[in-house]
Structures are given as C-alpha cells and as structure tokens.
Amino acid sequence: MTMQEIFGIAAFRSRQQVMRFDNALNRAGIRSQVISTPKDVSVGCGLSVRFELRDTQAVLDVYQRTRPGNLIGFYRVTRENGRRPVVAPL
C-alpha cells in the first residue's frame, strides 16, 4: 500500500515573516501550519507555512494582499512511504 502526502509550502528567509503569513492565512479562513522546511529548500530560516494544494489560489491571493517580505517561494511537496520529500516550485 502506497502512502502519499502532497501539500504546498511557502518558504521565507525570516521566522517573523513565516509567523506573519501563517496568521494572515488563518485570519482569511485558510488552514495552515508552521512546519520545518524540507531540506531541498535549503535557504531560509528553517520554517515554512504548510497549506493544502486545493487552497493554492486563496493562499496566493492572501500573499498578494499582505506582501510579507523575504519570500523564497511557493513549493509543492510530495512525500511517499516515508521517503525523502520531493520538492518542486509551484
């Protein structure tokens, strides 16, 4: 049985911006979570905001409205059977 998990992340260079963006998403009614950034996105502060891919457009809309600084990028993360996650730009 294959266990696969796919989600999006927003990676920042600053922990303060991670927290600020997570709060903005929550205020907009979008479920998000602060997680450790996957190693494949090696630059940054080590934290990212995780969100469901189905919410990508809403997440991008909040980003456009709030414009938090220090964004590294938005990524799609795929984890399969506990293997190292595969990360690709969104």
Protein backbone atom coordinates (compact mmCIF):
# COMPACT_ATOMS: atom_id res chain seq x y z
CA MET A 1 0.00 0.00 0.00
CA THR A 2 1.40 3.36 -1.03
CA MET A 3 1.12 6.24 1.41
CA GLN A 4 1.43 9.54 -0.36
CA GLU A 5 1.08 13.03 1.05
CA ILE A 6 1.05 16.12 -1.19
CA PHE A 7 0.86 19.69 0.08
CA GLY A 8 2.12 23.21 -0.56
CA ILE A 9 4.54 25.34 1.41
CA ALA A 10 5.52 28.98 1.45
CA ALA A 11 9.19 29.35 2.41
CA PHE A 12 10.61 32.57 3.86
CA ARG A 13 14.02 33.82 4.95
CA SER A 14 12.65 35.16 8.24
CA ARG A 15 10.81 33.36 11.04
CA GLN A 16 8.89 36.59 11.72
CA GLN A 17 7.53 36.54 8.14
CA VAL A 18 6.57 32.85 8.47
CA MET A 19 4.52 33.66 11.58
CA ARG A 20 3.01 36.78 10.00
CA PHE A 21 1.93 34.89 6.84
CA ASP A 22 0.55 31.96 8.85
CA ASN A 23 -1.54 34.42 10.89
CA ALA A 24 -2.77 36.17 7.71
CA LEU A 25 -3.87 32.82 6.24
CA ASN A 26 -5.68 31.87 9.45
CA ARG A 27 -7.47 35.24 9.52
CA ALA A 28 -8.57 34.58 5.92
CA GLY A 29 -10.03 31.21 6.98
CA ILE A 30 -7.33 29.13 5.28
CA ARG A 31 -5.97 26.20 7.26
CA SER A 32 -2.20 26.39 7.55
CA GLN A 33 0.56 25.15 9.79
CA VAL A 34 4.13 26.20 10.54
CA ILE A 35 6.48 23.28 9.74
CA SER A 36 10.20 22.63 9.31
CA THR A 37 11.26 23.48 5.77
CA PRO A 38 12.24 20.38 3.73
CA LYS A 39 16.00 20.17 3.18
CA ASP A 40 15.55 20.58 -0.61
CA VAL A 41 14.59 24.21 0.05
CA SER A 42 17.91 24.78 1.77
CA VAL A 43 17.90 28.58 2.06
CA GLY A 44 15.79 30.33 4.64
CA CYS A 45 15.10 30.30 8.31
CA GLY A 46 14.19 26.62 8.59
CA LEU A 47 10.44 27.17 8.92
CA SER A 48 7.71 27.29 6.27
CA VAL A 49 3.94 27.67 6.14
CA ARG A 50 2.20 24.48 5.03
CA PHE A 51 -1.15 24.60 3.21
CA GLU A 52 -3.38 22.29 1.19
CA LEU A 53 -2.84 22.44 -2.57
CA ARG A 54 -6.57 22.96 -3.15
CA ASP A 55 -6.14 26.30 -1.32
CA THR A 56 -3.24 27.48 -3.53
CA GLN A 57 -5.15 30.28 -5.28
CA ALA A 58 -6.52 31.60 -1.98
CA VAL A 59 -3.02 31.44 -0.46
CA LEU A 60 -1.59 33.40 -3.41
CA ASP A 61 -4.40 35.95 -3.06
CA VAL A 62 -3.53 36.48 0.63
CA TYR A 63 0.13 36.82 -0.35
CA GLN A 64 -0.75 39.47 -2.97
CA ARG A 65 -2.79 41.41 -0.39
CA THR A 66 -0.34 41.22 2.51
CA ARG A 67 3.00 41.16 0.65
CA PRO A 68 5.12 39.80 3.51
CA GLY A 69 8.80 40.28 2.76
CA ASN A 70 11.58 37.72 2.50
CA LEU A 71 9.63 35.15 0.45
CA ILE A 72 11.83 32.42 -1.00
CA GLY A 73 8.98 30.80 -2.93
CA PHE A 74 5.94 28.57 -3.05
CA TYR A 75 6.55 24.83 -3.44
CA ARG A 76 4.69 21.56 -3.91
CA VAL A 77 5.93 18.83 -1.54
CA THR A 78 5.30 15.13 -2.21
CA ARG A 79 6.11 12.54 0.46
CA GLU A 80 5.78 8.86 -0.34
CA ASN A 81 6.18 5.94 2.07
CA GLY A 82 8.40 7.90 4.45
CA ARG A 83 10.99 8.60 1.75
CA ARG A 84 12.72 11.94 1.40
CA PRO A 85 10.18 14.53 0.18
CA VAL A 86 10.24 15.66 -3.44
CA VAL A 87 10.01 19.46 -3.68
CA ALA A 88 9.10 21.40 -6.84
CA PRO A 89 8.25 25.08 -7.38
CA LEU A 90 4.53 25.80 -7.62
